[in-house]
Amino acid sequence: MITIDRQFECEDRYEAEKLAGLASVQKDHSTYIAGVAAVIGKEIVIRLKDKSSHAVLMKDEKTAIELKILLQDIVDGRESIQASDFEGNVAVIRLDHKETA
């Protein structure tokens, strides 16, 4: 397994903090993310396991789409989140990348 950091530039510090919180790792090492409900321009709507949805404003539409792809990989089990944090308007998601043979 390889550990990598993925950085996602958000609209501002508040949005980066929100994304880092949504991507946080639970006590049982799982995440609360169930999927992505929609990407509308630079806004991504993240669906959680409790059926709630939360919008995060990214820097641009390209960044929102990149995050959508990553979150789908996490939901599908191809990636797993080790940790999440933010600095300024950038959310950092540390991943355990599962190598495929």
PDB file of N, CA and C in Angstrom:
ATOM      1  N   MET A   1       0.834  -1.179   0.000  1.00  0.00           N
ATOM      2  CA  MET A   1       0.000   0.000   0.000  1.00  0.00           C
ATOM      3  C   MET A   1       0.886   1.252   0.000  1.00  0.00           C
ATOM      4  N   ILE A   2       0.467   2.259  -0.697  1.00  0.00           N
ATOM      5  CA  ILE A   2       1.193   3.522  -0.784  1.00  0.00           C
ATOM      6  C   ILE A   2       0.351   4.609  -0.119  1.00  0.00           C
ATOM      7  N   THR A   3       0.989   5.448   0.691  1.00  0.00           N
ATOM      8  CA  THR A   3       0.283   6.573   1.308  1.00  0.00           C
ATOM      9  C   THR A   3       0.570   7.833   0.493  1.00  0.00           C
ATOM     10  N   ILE A   4      -0.492   8.514   0.081  1.00  0.00           N
ATOM     11  CA  ILE A   4      -0.333   9.755  -0.691  1.00  0.00           C
ATOM     12  C   ILE A   4      -1.246  10.829  -0.107  1.00  0.00           C
ATOM     13  N   ASP A   5      -0.822  12.071  -0.277  1.00  0.00           N
ATOM     14  CA  ASP A   5      -1.641  13.218   0.125  1.00  0.00           C
ATOM     15  C   ASP A   5      -2.250  13.838  -1.114  1.00  0.00           C
ATOM     16  N   ARG A   6      -3.559  14.017  -1.100  1.00  0.00           N
ATOM     17  CA  ARG A   6      -4.246  14.726  -2.187  1.00  0.00           C
ATOM     18  C   ARG A   6      -4.720  16.062  -1.637  1.00  0.00           C
ATOM     19  N   GLN A   7      -4.422  17.117  -2.366  1.00  0.00           N
ATOM     20  CA  GLN A   7      -4.809  18.456  -1.939  1.00  0.00           C
ATOM     21  C   GLN A   7      -5.921  18.970  -2.838  1.00  0.00           C
ATOM     22  N   PHE A   8      -6.915  19.594  -2.211  1.00  0.00           N
ATOM     23  CA  PHE A   8      -8.051  20.146  -2.935  1.00  0.00           C
ATOM     24  C   PHE A   8      -8.249  21.586  -2.511  1.00  0.00           C
ATOM     25  N   GLU A   9      -8.112  22.496  -3.467  1.00  0.00           N
ATOM     26  CA  GLU A   9      -8.282  23.918  -3.169  1.00  0.00           C
ATOM     27  C   GLU A   9      -9.762  24.257  -3.152  1.00  0.00           C
ATOM     28  N   CYS A  10     -10.196  24.831  -2.055  1.00  0.00           N
ATOM     29  CA  CYS A  10     -11.593  25.207  -1.864  1.00  0.00           C
ATOM     30  C   CYS A  10     -11.749  26.714  -2.066  1.00  0.00           C
ATOM     31  N   GLU A  11     -12.989  27.178  -2.050  1.00  0.00           N
ATOM     32  CA  GLU A  11     -13.266  28.595  -2.243  1.00  0.00           C
ATOM     33  C   GLU A  11     -12.654  29.445  -1.125  1.00  0.00           C
ATOM     34  N   ASP A  12     -12.698  28.938   0.107  1.00  0.00           N
ATOM     35  CA  ASP A  12     -12.131  29.680   1.236  1.00  0.00           C
ATOM     36  C   ASP A  12     -11.806  28.709   2.367  1.00  0.00           C
ATOM     37  N   ARG A  13     -11.309  29.252   3.467  1.00  0.00           N
ATOM     38  CA  ARG A  13     -10.903  28.451   4.627  1.00  0.00           C
ATOM     39  C   ARG A  13     -12.079  27.673   5.214  1.00  0.00           C
ATOM     40  N   TYR A  14     -13.232  28.296   5.308  1.00  0.00           N
ATOM     41  CA  TYR A  14     -14.410  27.625   5.861  1.00  0.00           C
ATOM     42  C   TYR A  14     -14.744  26.362   5.068  1.00  0.00           C
ATOM     43  N   GLU A  15     -14.720  26.456   3.747  1.00  0.00           N
ATOM     44  CA  GLU A  15     -15.044  25.309   2.892  1.00  0.00           C
ATOM     45  C   GLU A  15     -13.990  24.213   3.031  1.00  0.00           C
ATOM     46  N   ALA A  16     -12.716  24.585   3.165  1.00  0.00           N
ATOM     47  CA  ALA A  16     -11.646  23.596   3.347  1.00  0.00           C
ATOM     48  C   ALA A  16     -11.815  22.869   4.685  1.00  0.00           C
ATOM     49  N   GLU A  17     -12.166  23.617   5.719  1.00  0.00           N
ATOM     50  CA  GLU A  17     -12.380  23.014   7.036  1.00  0.00           C
ATOM     51  C   GLU A  17     -13.578  22.066   6.990  1.00  0.00           C
ATOM     52  N   LYS A  18     -14.635  22.462   6.287  1.00  0.00           N
ATOM     53  CA  LYS A  18     -15.830  21.619   6.153  1.00  0.00           C
ATOM     54  C   LYS A  18     -15.481  20.313   5.435  1.00  0.00           C
ATOM     55  N   LEU A  19     -14.737  20.403   4.328  1.00  0.00           N
ATOM     56  CA  LEU A  19     -14.357  19.205   3.579  1.00  0.00           C
ATOM     57  C   LEU A  19     -13.490  18.286   4.435  1.00  0.00           C
ATOM     58  N   ALA A  20     -12.518  18.851   5.146  1.00  0.00           N
ATOM     59  CA  ALA A  20     -11.657  18.032   6.002  1.00  0.00           C
ATOM     60  C   ALA A  20     -12.499  17.322   7.071  1.00  0.00           C
ATOM     61  N   GLY A  21     -13.493  18.003   7.621  1.00  0.00           N
ATOM     62  CA  GLY A  21     -14.372  17.389   8.619  1.00  0.00           C
ATOM     63  C   GLY A  21     -15.224  16.276   8.037  1.00  0.00           C
ATOM     64  N   LEU A  22     -15.769  16.501   6.852  1.00  0.00           N
ATOM     65  CA  LEU A  22     -16.599  15.475   6.209  1.00  0.00           C
ATOM     66  C   LEU A  22     -15.780  14.233   5.864  1.00  0.00           C
ATOM     67  N   ALA A  23     -14.495  14.427   5.558  1.00  0.00           N
ATOM     68  CA  ALA A  23     -13.621  13.319   5.167  1.00  0.00           C
ATOM     69  C   ALA A  23     -12.881  12.711   6.354  1.00  0.00           C
ATOM     70  N   SER A  24     -13.201  13.129   7.565  1.00  0.00           N
ATOM     71  CA  SER A  24     -12.461  12.639   8.726  1.00  0.00           C
ATOM     72  C   SER A  24     -12.700  11.144   8.948  1.00  0.00           C
ATOM     73  N   VAL A  25     -11.742  10.528   9.601  1.00  0.00           N
ATOM     74  CA  VAL A  25     -11.780   9.090   9.863  1.00  0.00           C
ATOM     75  C   VAL A  25     -12.446   8.858  11.218  1.00  0.00           C
ATOM     76  N   GLN A  26     -13.368   7.904  11.260  1.00  0.00           N
ATOM     77  CA  GLN A  26     -14.093   7.566  12.485  1.00  0.00           C
ATOM     78  C   GLN A  26     -13.244   6.642  13.365  1.00  0.00           C
ATOM     79  N   LYS A  27     -13.689   6.365  14.573  1.00  0.00           N
ATOM     80  CA  LYS A  27     -12.948   5.509  15.502  1.00  0.00           C
ATOM     81  C   LYS A  27     -12.699   4.111  14.948  1.00  0.00           C
ATOM     82  N   ASP A  28     -13.620   3.607  14.132  1.00  0.00           N
ATOM     83  CA  ASP A  28     -13.456   2.263  13.562  1.00  0.00           C
ATOM     84  C   ASP A  28     -12.687   2.287  12.234  1.00  0.00           C
ATOM     85  N   HIS A  29     -12.032   3.402  11.935  1.00  0.00           N
ATOM     86  CA  HIS A  29     -11.201   3.614  10.736  1.00  0.00           C
ATOM     87  C   HIS A  29     -12.012   3.723   9.448  1.00  0.00           C
ATOM     88  N   SER A  30     -13.312   3.888   9.560  1.00  0.00           N
ATOM     89  CA  SER A  30     -14.151   4.084   8.375  1.00  0.00           C
ATOM     90  C   SER A  30     -14.387   5.586   8.178  1.00  0.00           C
ATOM     91  N   THR A  31     -15.013   5.916   7.075  1.00  0.00           N
ATOM     92  CA  THR A  31     -15.426   7.301   6.850  1.00  0.00           C
ATOM     93  C   THR A  31     -16.946   7.336   6.800  1.00  0.00           C
ATOM     94  N   TYR A  32     -17.489   8.514   6.950  1.00  0.00           N
ATOM     95  CA  TYR A  32     -18.935   8.687   6.982  1.00  0.00           C
ATOM     96  C   TYR A  32     -19.497   9.035   5.601  1.00  0.00           C
ATOM     97  N   ILE A  33     -18.639   9.057   4.595  1.00  0.00           N
ATOM     98  CA  ILE A  33     -19.051   9.433   3.239  1.00  0.00           C
ATOM     99  C   ILE A  33     -19.746   8.263   2.555  1.00  0.00           C
ATOM    100  N   ALA A  34     -20.941   8.528   2.006  1.00  0.00           N
ATOM    101  CA  ALA A  34     -21.696   7.500   1.288  1.00  0.00           C
ATOM    102  C   ALA A  34     -21.630   7.702  -0.219  1.00  0.00           C
ATOM    103  N   GLY A  35     -21.268   8.905  -0.662  1.00  0.00           N
ATOM    104  CA  GLY A  35     -21.193   9.165  -2.091  1.00  0.00           C
ATOM    105  C   GLY A  35     -21.318  10.638  -2.403  1.00  0.00           C
ATOM    106  N   VAL A  36     -21.433  10.915  -3.684  1.00  0.00           N
ATOM    107  CA  VAL A  36     -21.602  12.287  -4.159  1.00  0.00           C
ATOM    108  C   VAL A  36     -22.971  12.386  -4.807  1.00  0.00           C
ATOM    109  N   ALA A  37     -23.783  13.309  -4.309  1.00  0.00           N
ATOM    110  CA  ALA A  37     -25.128  13.493  -4.851  1.00  0.00           C
ATOM    111  C   ALA A  37     -25.097  14.268  -6.165  1.00  0.00           C
ATOM    112  N   ALA A  38     -24.198  15.272  -6.258  1.00  0.00           N
ATOM    113  CA  ALA A  38     -24.155  16.096  -7.475  1.00  0.00           C
ATOM    114  C   ALA A  38     -22.908  16.961  -7.489  1.00  0.00           C
ATOM    115  N   VAL A  39     -22.536  17.343  -8.706  1.00  0.00           N
ATOM    116  CA  VAL A  39     -21.543  18.398  -8.918  1.00  0.00           C
ATOM    117  C   VAL A  39     -22.232  19.436  -9.794  1.00  0.00           C
ATOM    118  N   ILE A  40     -22.330  20.648  -9.276  1.00  0.00           N
ATOM    119  CA  ILE A  40     -22.976  21.739 -10.003  1.00  0.00           C
ATOM    120  C   ILE A  40     -21.979  22.880 -10.079  1.00  0.00           C
ATOM    121  N   GLY A  41     -21.342  23.001 -11.231  1.00  0.00           N
ATOM    122  CA  GLY A  41     -20.280  23.992 -11.353  1.00  0.00           C
ATOM    123  C   GLY A  41     -19.165  23.641 -10.394  1.00  0.00           C
ATOM    124  N   LYS A  42     -18.784  24.580  -9.531  1.00  0.00           N
ATOM    125  CA  LYS A  42     -17.696  24.322  -8.583  1.00  0.00           C
ATOM    126  C   LYS A  42     -18.197  23.807  -7.229  1.00  0.00           C
ATOM    127  N   GLU A  43     -19.487  23.525  -7.140  1.00  0.00           N
ATOM    128  CA  GLU A  43     -20.077  23.015  -5.900  1.00  0.00           C
ATOM    129  C   GLU A  43     -20.236  21.500  -5.972  1.00  0.00           C
ATOM    130  N   ILE A  44     -19.779  20.809  -4.923  1.00  0.00           N
ATOM    131  CA  ILE A  44     -19.959  19.358  -4.837  1.00  0.00           C
ATOM    132  C   ILE A  44     -20.850  19.072  -3.632  1.00  0.00           C
ATOM    133  N   VAL A  45     -21.832  18.210  -3.831  1.00  0.00           N
ATOM    134  CA  VAL A  45     -22.759  17.849  -2.757  1.00  0.00           C
ATOM    135  C   VAL A  45     -22.411  16.432  -2.317  1.00  0.00           C
ATOM    136  N   ILE A  46     -21.906  16.320  -1.087  1.00  0.00           N
ATOM    137  CA  ILE A  46     -21.441  15.050  -0.537  1.00  0.00           C
ATOM    138  C   ILE A  46     -22.552  14.458   0.321  1.00  0.00           C
ATOM    139  N   ARG A  47     -22.877  13.193   0.053  1.00  0.00           N
ATOM    140  CA  ARG A  47     -23.914  12.472   0.787  1.00  0.00           C
ATOM    141  C   ARG A  47     -23.240  11.634   1.880  1.00  0.00           C
ATOM    142  N   LEU A  48     -23.765  11.705   3.090  1.00  0.00           N
ATOM    143  CA  LEU A  48     -23.218  10.943   4.207  1.00  0.00           C
ATOM    144  C   LEU A  48     -24.078   9.724   4.518  1.00  0.00           C
ATOM    145  N   LYS A  49     -23.547   8.815   5.306  1.00  0.00           N
ATOM    146  CA  LYS A  49     -24.253   7.577   5.640  1.00  0.00           C
ATOM    147  C   LYS A  49     -25.517   7.808   6.447  1.00  0.00           C
ATOM    148  N   ASP A  50     -25.627   8.974   7.103  1.00  0.00           N
ATOM    149  CA  ASP A  50     -26.853   9.274   7.849  1.00  0.00           C
ATOM    150  C   ASP A  50     -27.929   9.886   6.943  1.00  0.00           C
ATOM    151  N   LYS A  51     -27.691   9.859   5.627  1.00  0.00           N
ATOM    152  CA  LYS A  51     -28.608  10.355   4.587  1.00  0.00           C
ATOM    153  C   LYS A  51     -28.608  11.876   4.449  1.00  0.00           C
ATOM    154  N   SER A  52     -27.780  12.578   5.220  1.00  0.00           N
ATOM    155  CA  SER A  52     -27.683  14.033   5.061  1.00  0.00           C
ATOM    156  C   SER A  52     -26.755  14.351   3.890  1.00  0.00           C
ATOM    157  N   SER A  53     -26.890  15.540   3.354  1.00  0.00           N
ATOM    158  CA  SER A  53     -26.047  16.007   2.251  1.00  0.00           C
ATOM    159  C   SER A  53     -25.448  17.351   2.624  1.00  0.00           C
ATOM    160  N   HIS A  54     -24.211  17.558   2.192  1.00  0.00           N
ATOM    161  CA  HIS A  54     -23.489  18.776   2.537  1.00  0.00           C
ATOM    162  C   HIS A  54     -22.768  19.301   1.305  1.00  0.00           C
ATOM    163  N   ALA A  55     -22.971  20.568   0.994  1.00  0.00           N
ATOM    164  CA  ALA A  55     -22.337  21.188  -0.163  1.00  0.00           C
ATOM    165  C   ALA A  55     -21.005  21.799   0.247  1.00  0.00           C
ATOM    166  N   VAL A  56     -20.002  21.626  -0.620  1.00  0.00           N
ATOM    167  CA  VAL A  56     -18.691  22.231  -0.429  1.00  0.00           C
ATOM    168  C   VAL A  56     -18.349  22.982  -1.704  1.00  0.00           C
ATOM    169  N   LEU A  57     -17.947  24.238  -1.560  1.00  0.00           N
ATOM    170  CA  LEU A  57     -17.564  25.050  -2.716  1.00  0.00           C
ATOM    171  C   LEU A  57     -16.069  24.911  -2.958  1.00  0.00           C
ATOM    172  N   MET A  58     -15.719  24.424  -4.131  1.00  0.00           N
ATOM    173  CA  MET A  58     -14.330  24.228  -4.505  1.00  0.00           C
ATOM    174  C   MET A  58     -13.816  25.455  -5.261  1.00  0.00           C
ATOM    175  N   LYS A  59     -12.542  25.445  -5.589  1.00  0.00           N
ATOM    176  CA  LYS A  59     -11.928  26.553  -6.327  1.00  0.00           C
ATOM    177  C   LYS A  59     -12.566  26.704  -7.709  1.00  0.00           C
ATOM    178  N   ASP A  60     -12.790  25.560  -8.373  1.00  0.00           N
ATOM    179  CA  ASP A  60     -13.369  25.581  -9.715  1.00  0.00           C
ATOM    180  C   ASP A  60     -14.024  24.229 -10.010  1.00  0.00           C
ATOM    181  N   GLU A  61     -14.658  24.129 -11.163  1.00  0.00           N
ATOM    182  CA  GLU A  61     -15.373  22.902 -11.532  1.00  0.00           C
ATOM    183  C   GLU A  61     -14.427  21.715 -11.691  1.00  0.00           C
ATOM    184  N   LYS A  62     -13.239  21.942 -12.221  1.00  0.00           N
ATOM    185  CA  LYS A  62     -12.253  20.866 -12.408  1.00  0.00           C
ATOM    186  C   LYS A  62     -11.901  20.226 -11.061  1.00  0.00           C
ATOM    187  N   THR A  63     -11.690  21.056 -10.039  1.00  0.00           N
ATOM    188  CA  THR A  63     -11.366  20.554  -8.708  1.00  0.00           C
ATOM    189  C   THR A  63     -12.541  19.771  -8.125  1.00  0.00           C
ATOM    190  N   ALA A  64     -13.753  20.243  -8.345  1.00  0.00           N
ATOM    191  CA  ALA A  64     -14.948  19.534  -7.857  1.00  0.00           C
ATOM    192  C   ALA A  64     -15.058  18.156  -8.510  1.00  0.00           C
ATOM    193  N   ILE A  65     -14.767  18.069  -9.789  1.00  0.00           N
ATOM    194  CA  ILE A  65     -14.836  16.779 -10.496  1.00  0.00           C
ATOM    195  C   ILE A  65     -13.736  15.842 -10.010  1.00  0.00           C
ATOM    196  N   GLU A  66     -12.535  16.365  -9.786  1.00  0.00           N
ATOM    197  CA  GLU A  66     -11.441  15.539  -9.261  1.00  0.00           C
ATOM    198  C   GLU A  66     -11.805  14.973  -7.886  1.00  0.00           C
ATOM    199  N   LEU A  67     -12.427  15.790  -7.043  1.00  0.00           N
ATOM    200  CA  LEU A  67     -12.849  15.327  -5.728  1.00  0.00           C
ATOM    201  C   LEU A  67     -13.949  14.274  -5.856  1.00  0.00           C
ATOM    202  N   LYS A  68     -14.874  14.473  -6.774  1.00  0.00           N
ATOM    203  CA  LYS A  68     -15.939  13.488  -6.987  1.00  0.00           C
ATOM    204  C   LYS A  68     -15.353  12.133  -7.352  1.00  0.00           C
ATOM    205  N   ILE A  69     -14.372  12.112  -8.244  1.00  0.00           N
ATOM    206  CA  ILE A  69     -13.732  10.862  -8.661  1.00  0.00           C
ATOM    207  C   ILE A  69     -13.054  10.191  -7.468  1.00  0.00           C
ATOM    208  N   LEU A  70     -12.338  10.989  -6.672  1.00  0.00           N
ATOM    209  CA  LEU A  70     -11.666  10.425  -5.496  1.00  0.00           C
ATOM    210  C   LEU A  70     -12.679   9.858  -4.504  1.00  0.00           C
ATOM    211  N   LEU A  71     -13.731  10.593  -4.215  1.00  0.00           N
ATOM    212  CA  LEU A  71     -14.730  10.121  -3.252  1.00  0.00           C
ATOM    213  C   LEU A  71     -15.401   8.841  -3.742  1.00  0.00           C
ATOM    214  N   GLN A  72     -15.616   8.712  -5.043  1.00  0.00           N
ATOM    215  CA  GLN A  72     -16.193   7.474  -5.577  1.00  0.00           C
ATOM    216  C   GLN A  72     -15.220   6.315  -5.387  1.00  0.00           C
ATOM    217  N   ASP A  73     -13.917   6.561  -5.582  1.00  0.00           N
ATOM    218  CA  ASP A  73     -12.909   5.524  -5.342  1.00  0.00           C
ATOM    219  C   ASP A  73     -12.905   5.088  -3.881  1.00  0.00           C
ATOM    220  N   ILE A  74     -13.114   6.038  -2.972  1.00  0.00           N
ATOM    221  CA  ILE A  74     -13.166   5.718  -1.544  1.00  0.00           C
ATOM    222  C   ILE A  74     -14.398   4.874  -1.234  1.00  0.00           C
ATOM    223  N   VAL A  75     -15.553   5.282  -1.744  1.00  0.00           N
ATOM    224  CA  VAL A  75     -16.799   4.536  -1.518  1.00  0.00           C
ATOM    225  C   VAL A  75     -16.685   3.123  -2.095  1.00  0.00           C
ATOM    226  N   ASP A  76     -16.033   2.992  -3.255  1.00  0.00           N
ATOM    227  CA  ASP A  76     -15.883   1.690  -3.917  1.00  0.00           C
ATOM    228  C   ASP A  76     -14.771   0.836  -3.303  1.00  0.00           C
ATOM    229  N   GLY A  77     -14.004   1.394  -2.353  1.00  0.00           N
ATOM    230  CA  GLY A  77     -12.958   0.631  -1.683  1.00  0.00           C
ATOM    231  C   GLY A  77     -11.608   0.620  -2.372  1.00  0.00           C
ATOM    232  N   ARG A  78     -11.440   1.396  -3.435  1.00  0.00           N
ATOM    233  CA  ARG A  78     -10.146   1.446  -4.125  1.00  0.00           C
ATOM    234  C   ARG A  78      -9.138   2.317  -3.379  1.00  0.00           C
ATOM    235  N   GLU A  79      -9.632   3.235  -2.567  1.00  0.00           N
ATOM    236  CA  GLU A  79      -8.798   4.109  -1.735  1.00  0.00           C
ATOM    237  C   GLU A  79      -9.405   4.105  -0.344  1.00  0.00           C
ATOM    238  N   SER A  80      -8.582   4.395   0.656  1.00  0.00           N
ATOM    239  CA  SER A  80      -9.122   4.581   2.005  1.00  0.00           C
ATOM    240  C   SER A  80      -8.438   5.796   2.626  1.00  0.00           C
ATOM    241  N   ILE A  81      -9.217   6.550   3.383  1.00  0.00           N
ATOM    242  CA  ILE A  81      -8.707   7.765   4.003  1.00  0.00           C
ATOM    243  C   ILE A  81      -7.990   7.396   5.299  1.00  0.00           C
ATOM    244  N   GLN A  82      -6.776   7.892   5.422  1.00  0.00           N
ATOM    245  CA  GLN A  82      -5.994   7.691   6.642  1.00  0.00           C
ATOM    246  C   GLN A  82      -6.179   8.878   7.586  1.00  0.00           C
ATOM    247  N   ALA A  83      -6.272  10.083   6.998  1.00  0.00           N
ATOM    248  CA  ALA A  83      -6.433  11.302   7.793  1.00  0.00           C
ATOM    249  C   ALA A  83      -6.883  12.422   6.871  1.00  0.00           C
ATOM    250  N   SER A  84      -7.404  13.494   7.468  1.00  0.00           N
ATOM    251  CA  SER A  84      -7.755  14.682   6.690  1.00  0.00           C
ATOM    252  C   SER A  84      -7.466  15.906   7.542  1.00  0.00           C
ATOM    253  N   ASP A  85      -7.093  16.989   6.870  1.00  0.00           N
ATOM    254  CA  ASP A  85      -6.775  18.230   7.562  1.00  0.00           C
ATOM    255  C   ASP A  85      -6.948  19.360   6.553  1.00  0.00           C
ATOM    256  N   PHE A  86      -6.687  20.565   6.988  1.00  0.00           N
ATOM    257  CA  PHE A  86      -6.753  21.702   6.077  1.00  0.00           C
ATOM    258  C   PHE A  86      -5.741  22.744   6.515  1.00  0.00           C
ATOM    259  N   GLU A  87      -5.319  23.534   5.551  1.00  0.00           N
ATOM    260  CA  GLU A  87      -4.452  24.674   5.826  1.00  0.00           C
ATOM    261  C   GLU A  87      -4.888  25.787   4.894  1.00  0.00           C
ATOM    262  N   GLY A  88      -5.340  26.876   5.477  1.00  0.00           N
ATOM    263  CA  GLY A  88      -5.883  27.953   4.655  1.00  0.00           C
ATOM    264  C   GLY A  88      -7.091  27.447   3.904  1.00  0.00           C
ATOM    265  N   ASN A  89      -7.115  27.660   2.600  1.00  0.00           N
ATOM    266  CA  ASN A  89      -8.255  27.218   1.794  1.00  0.00           C
ATOM    267  C   ASN A  89      -8.015  25.872   1.106  1.00  0.00           C
ATOM    268  N   VAL A  90      -7.023  25.106   1.574  1.00  0.00           N
ATOM    269  CA  VAL A  90      -6.695  23.812   0.971  1.00  0.00           C
ATOM    270  C   VAL A  90      -6.989  22.684   1.955  1.00  0.00           C
ATOM    271  N   ALA A  91      -7.811  21.735   1.521  1.00  0.00           N
ATOM    272  CA  ALA A  91      -8.076  20.523   2.294  1.00  0.00           C
ATOM    273  C   ALA A  91      -7.089  19.460   1.831  1.00  0.00           C
ATOM    274  N   VAL A  92      -6.513  18.745   2.791  1.00  0.00           N
ATOM    275  CA  VAL A  92      -5.559  17.675   2.490  1.00  0.00           C
ATOM    276  C   VAL A  92      -6.159  16.362   2.965  1.00  0.00           C
ATOM    277  N   ILE A  93      -6.243  15.397   2.050  1.00  0.00           N
ATOM    278  CA  ILE A  93      -6.763  14.076   2.374  1.00  0.00           C
ATOM    279  C   ILE A  93      -5.623  13.077   2.181  1.00  0.00           C
ATOM    280  N   ARG A  94      -5.210  12.445   3.280  1.00  0.00           N
ATOM    281  CA  ARG A  94      -4.146  11.436   3.223  1.00  0.00           C
ATOM    282  C   ARG A  94      -4.803  10.090   2.956  1.00  0.00           C
ATOM    283  N   LEU A  95      -4.313   9.420   1.930  1.00  0.00           N
ATOM    284  CA  LEU A  95      -4.931   8.184   1.462  1.00  0.00           C
ATOM    285  C   LEU A  95      -3.987   7.002   1.551  1.00  0.00           C
ATOM    286  N   ASP A  96      -4.563   5.843   1.805  1.00  0.00           N
ATOM    287  CA  ASP A  96      -3.872   4.576   1.601  1.00  0.00           C
ATOM    288  C   ASP A  96      -4.340   4.089   0.243  1.00  0.00           C
ATOM    289  N   HIS A  97      -3.440   4.142  -0.727  1.00  0.00           N
ATOM    290  CA  HIS A  97      -3.771   3.746  -2.104  1.00  0.00           C
ATOM    291  C   HIS A  97      -3.498   2.257  -2.240  1.00  0.00           C
ATOM    292  N   LYS A  98      -4.511   1.527  -2.638  1.00  0.00           N
ATOM    293  CA  LYS A  98      -4.386   0.082  -2.824  1.00  0.00           C
ATOM    294  C   LYS A  98      -3.884  -0.201  -4.220  1.00  0.00           C
ATOM    295  N   GLU A  99      -2.691  -0.774  -4.292  1.00  0.00           N
ATOM    296  CA  GLU A  99      -2.104  -1.075  -5.597  1.00  0.00           C
ATOM    297  C   GLU A  99      -2.838  -2.257  -6.219  1.00  0.00           C
ATOM    298  N   THR A 100      -3.030  -2.188  -7.527  1.00  0.00           N
ATOM    299  CA  THR A 100      -3.664  -3.294  -8.241  1.00  0.00           C
ATOM    300  C   THR A 100      -2.612  -3.982  -9.098  1.00  0.00           C
ATOM    301  N   ALA A 101      -2.674  -5.282  -9.130  1.00  0.00           N
ATOM    302  CA  ALA A 101      -1.695  -6.045  -9.893  1.00  0.00           C
ATOM    303  C   ALA A 101      -2.173  -6.305 -11.296  1.00  0.00           C
TER     304      ALA A 101
END
